[in-house]
């Protein structure tokens, strides 16, 4: 029982570190999405002002940029799933067998994965709010001749 408690303690410490790494990666992704969309809004200022002049509402421009954030998150989730799945297969079926002489049964916790995907997409949508607000407030009168 003492050995089991020690092993569980080690696993708990490992998973605590994994949780911290997960939170840090989410924070880095939020910064990346926010900065990417801010740069996109700045680069497309003339186009956004033209949309406004043609009748696009602020709400439509806002939704456009939040949609960009969600699409970025979906691409990130897809690439992460492909890379993570490949890494899991290599670790479980190759590294463990070759170097340790044993392997574990691969299991996919679908509920946990769905929860993480929803969190990532939701946080990406929130990260897109500030750039979307900035983009939706672009007026043709704010542009200079160089922007056109």
Protein backbone atom coordinates (compact mmCIF):
# COMPACT_ATOMS: atom_id res chain seq x y z
CA UNK A 1 0.00 0.00 0.00
CA UNK A 2 2.86 2.36 0.77
CA UNK A 3 4.46 1.73 -2.63
CA UNK A 4 1.12 2.31 -4.33
CA UNK A 5 0.65 5.60 -2.46
CA UNK A 6 4.15 6.71 -3.48
CA UNK A 7 3.50 5.84 -7.12
CA UNK A 8 0.16 7.67 -7.10
CA UNK A 9 1.89 10.67 -5.54
CA UNK A 10 4.45 10.72 -8.36
CA UNK A 11 1.69 10.47 -10.96
CA UNK A 12 -0.22 13.31 -9.29
CA UNK A 13 2.88 15.52 -9.40
CA UNK A 14 3.43 14.68 -13.05
CA UNK A 15 -0.16 15.53 -13.95
CA UNK A 16 0.02 18.78 -11.97
CA UNK A 17 2.99 19.82 -14.09
CA UNK A 18 1.09 18.78 -17.21
CA UNK A 19 -1.82 21.00 -16.15
CA UNK A 20 0.53 23.96 -15.71
CA UNK A 21 2.04 23.33 -19.15
CA UNK A 22 -1.47 23.13 -20.64
CA UNK A 23 -2.41 26.49 -19.10
CA UNK A 24 0.82 28.07 -20.35
CA UNK A 25 0.27 26.78 -23.88
CA UNK A 26 -3.29 28.13 -23.84
CA UNK A 27 -2.00 31.54 -22.74
CA UNK A 28 0.60 31.54 -25.52
CA UNK A 29 -2.10 30.58 -28.04
CA UNK A 30 -4.32 33.44 -26.82
CA UNK A 31 -1.45 35.90 -27.30
CA UNK A 32 -0.73 34.48 -30.75
CA UNK A 33 -4.34 34.70 -31.91
CA UNK A 34 -4.78 38.21 -30.50
CA UNK A 35 -1.59 39.53 -32.09
CA UNK A 36 -2.29 37.81 -35.41
CA UNK A 37 -5.76 39.33 -35.60
CA UNK A 38 -4.51 42.78 -34.54
CA UNK A 39 -1.94 42.70 -37.35
CA UNK A 40 -4.60 41.44 -39.76
CA UNK A 41 -6.94 44.28 -38.75
CA UNK A 42 -4.16 46.83 -39.30
CA UNK A 43 -3.15 45.37 -42.65
CA UNK A 44 -6.75 45.22 -43.85
CA UNK A 45 -7.79 48.65 -42.54
CA UNK A 46 -8.53 50.00 -46.02
CA UNK A 47 -10.54 46.91 -46.93
CA UNK A 48 -12.50 47.09 -43.68
CA UNK A 49 -13.24 50.77 -44.21
CA UNK A 50 -14.44 49.96 -47.71
CA UNK A 51 -16.75 47.28 -46.31
CA UNK A 52 -18.11 49.89 -43.92
CA UNK A 53 -18.60 52.39 -46.73
CA UNK A 54 -20.45 49.74 -48.73
CA UNK A 55 -22.86 49.12 -45.87
CA UNK A 56 -21.30 46.46 -43.68
CA UNK A 57 -22.32 46.98 -40.08
CA UNK A 58 -19.95 46.98 -37.13
CA UNK A 59 -21.56 43.77 -35.98
CA UNK A 60 -20.78 42.06 -39.27
CA UNK A 61 -17.14 43.15 -39.13
CA UNK A 62 -16.96 42.06 -35.49
CA UNK A 63 -18.34 38.61 -36.35
CA UNK A 64 -15.92 38.36 -39.27
CA UNK A 65 -12.92 38.75 -36.97
CA UNK A 66 -14.28 36.50 -34.24
CA UNK A 67 -14.85 33.95 -37.00
CA UNK A 68 -11.21 34.32 -38.02
CA UNK A 69 -10.20 33.54 -34.44
CA UNK A 70 -12.41 30.46 -34.33
CA UNK A 71 -11.05 29.23 -37.69
CA UNK A 72 -7.47 29.69 -36.42
CA UNK A 73 -8.37 27.66 -33.33
CA UNK A 74 -9.95 24.90 -35.43
CA UNK A 75 -6.82 24.63 -37.58
CA UNK A 76 -4.72 24.53 -34.41
CA UNK A 77 -6.90 21.79 -32.92
CA UNK A 78 -6.70 19.76 -36.14
CA UNK A 79 -2.92 20.07 -36.38
CA UNK A 80 -2.57 19.34 -32.67
CA UNK A 81 -4.75 16.26 -32.97
CA UNK A 82 -2.70 14.94 -35.88
CA UNK A 83 0.63 15.66 -34.18
CA UNK A 84 -0.51 14.48 -30.75
CA UNK A 85 -2.05 11.33 -32.16
CA UNK A 86 1.11 10.49 -34.09
CA UNK A 87 3.26 11.14 -31.02
CA UNK A 88 1.01 8.96 -28.84
CA UNK A 89 1.22 6.09 -31.33
CA UNK A 90 5.01 6.34 -31.48
CA UNK A 91 5.34 6.48 -27.69
CA UNK A 92 2.90 3.67 -26.94
CA UNK A 93 3.70 1.22 -29.72
CA UNK A 94 7.35 1.95 -30.51
CA UNK A 95 9.27 3.65 -27.71
CA UNK A 96 7.71 1.69 -24.85
CA UNK A 97 8.13 -1.67 -26.61
CA UNK A 98 11.67 -1.08 -27.82
CA UNK A 99 13.16 0.60 -24.76
CA UNK A 100 11.10 -0.78 -21.89
CA UNK A 101 9.85 -4.09 -23.25
CA UNK A 102 6.21 -3.34 -22.47
CA UNK A 103 3.41 -1.14 -23.69
CA UNK A 104 0.06 0.15 -22.51
CA UNK A 105 -3.34 0.00 -24.10
CA UNK A 106 -4.12 3.18 -25.97
CA UNK A 107 -7.40 4.77 -24.89
CA UNK A 108 -9.07 7.95 -26.06
CA UNK A 109 -11.01 9.86 -23.40
CA UNK A 110 -13.58 11.34 -25.79
CA UNK A 111 -15.38 13.41 -23.18
CA UNK A 112 -12.15 15.02 -22.00
CA UNK A 113 -11.02 15.65 -25.58
CA UNK A 114 -14.35 17.26 -26.49
CA UNK A 115 -14.14 19.44 -23.39
CA UNK A 116 -10.64 20.56 -24.32
CA UNK A 117 -11.63 21.34 -27.90
CA UNK A 118 -14.59 23.39 -26.67
CA UNK A 119 -12.32 25.25 -24.25
CA UNK A 120 -9.75 25.99 -26.95
CA UNK A 121 -12.33 27.25 -29.44
CA UNK A 122 -14.11 29.29 -26.77
CA UNK A 123 -10.90 30.89 -25.54
CA UNK A 124 -9.90 31.65 -29.14
CA UNK A 125 -13.24 33.39 -29.69
CA UNK A 126 -12.63 35.45 -26.53
CA UNK A 127 -9.08 36.23 -27.68
CA UNK A 128 -10.54 37.57 -30.93
CA UNK A 129 -12.88 40.03 -29.19
CA UNK A 130 -10.40 42.90 -28.77
CA UNK A 131 -9.06 42.71 -32.35
CA UNK A 132 -12.65 42.37 -33.59
CA UNK A 133 -13.66 45.51 -31.69
CA UNK A 134 -10.71 47.40 -33.18
CA UNK A 135 -11.48 46.13 -36.68
CA UNK A 136 -15.18 46.95 -36.43
CA UNK A 137 -14.38 50.56 -35.52
CA UNK A 138 -12.33 51.26 -38.65
CA UNK A 139 -13.79 54.25 -40.51
CA UNK A 140 -12.86 55.48 -43.98
CA UNK A 141 -12.19 58.93 -42.51
CA UNK A 142 -9.33 57.48 -40.39
CA UNK A 143 -7.40 56.23 -43.41
CA UNK A 144 -4.58 58.12 -45.02
CA UNK A 145 -3.76 58.19 -48.69
CA UNK A 146 -1.02 55.59 -48.10
CA UNK A 147 -3.56 53.14 -46.69
CA UNK A 148 -5.54 53.14 -49.91
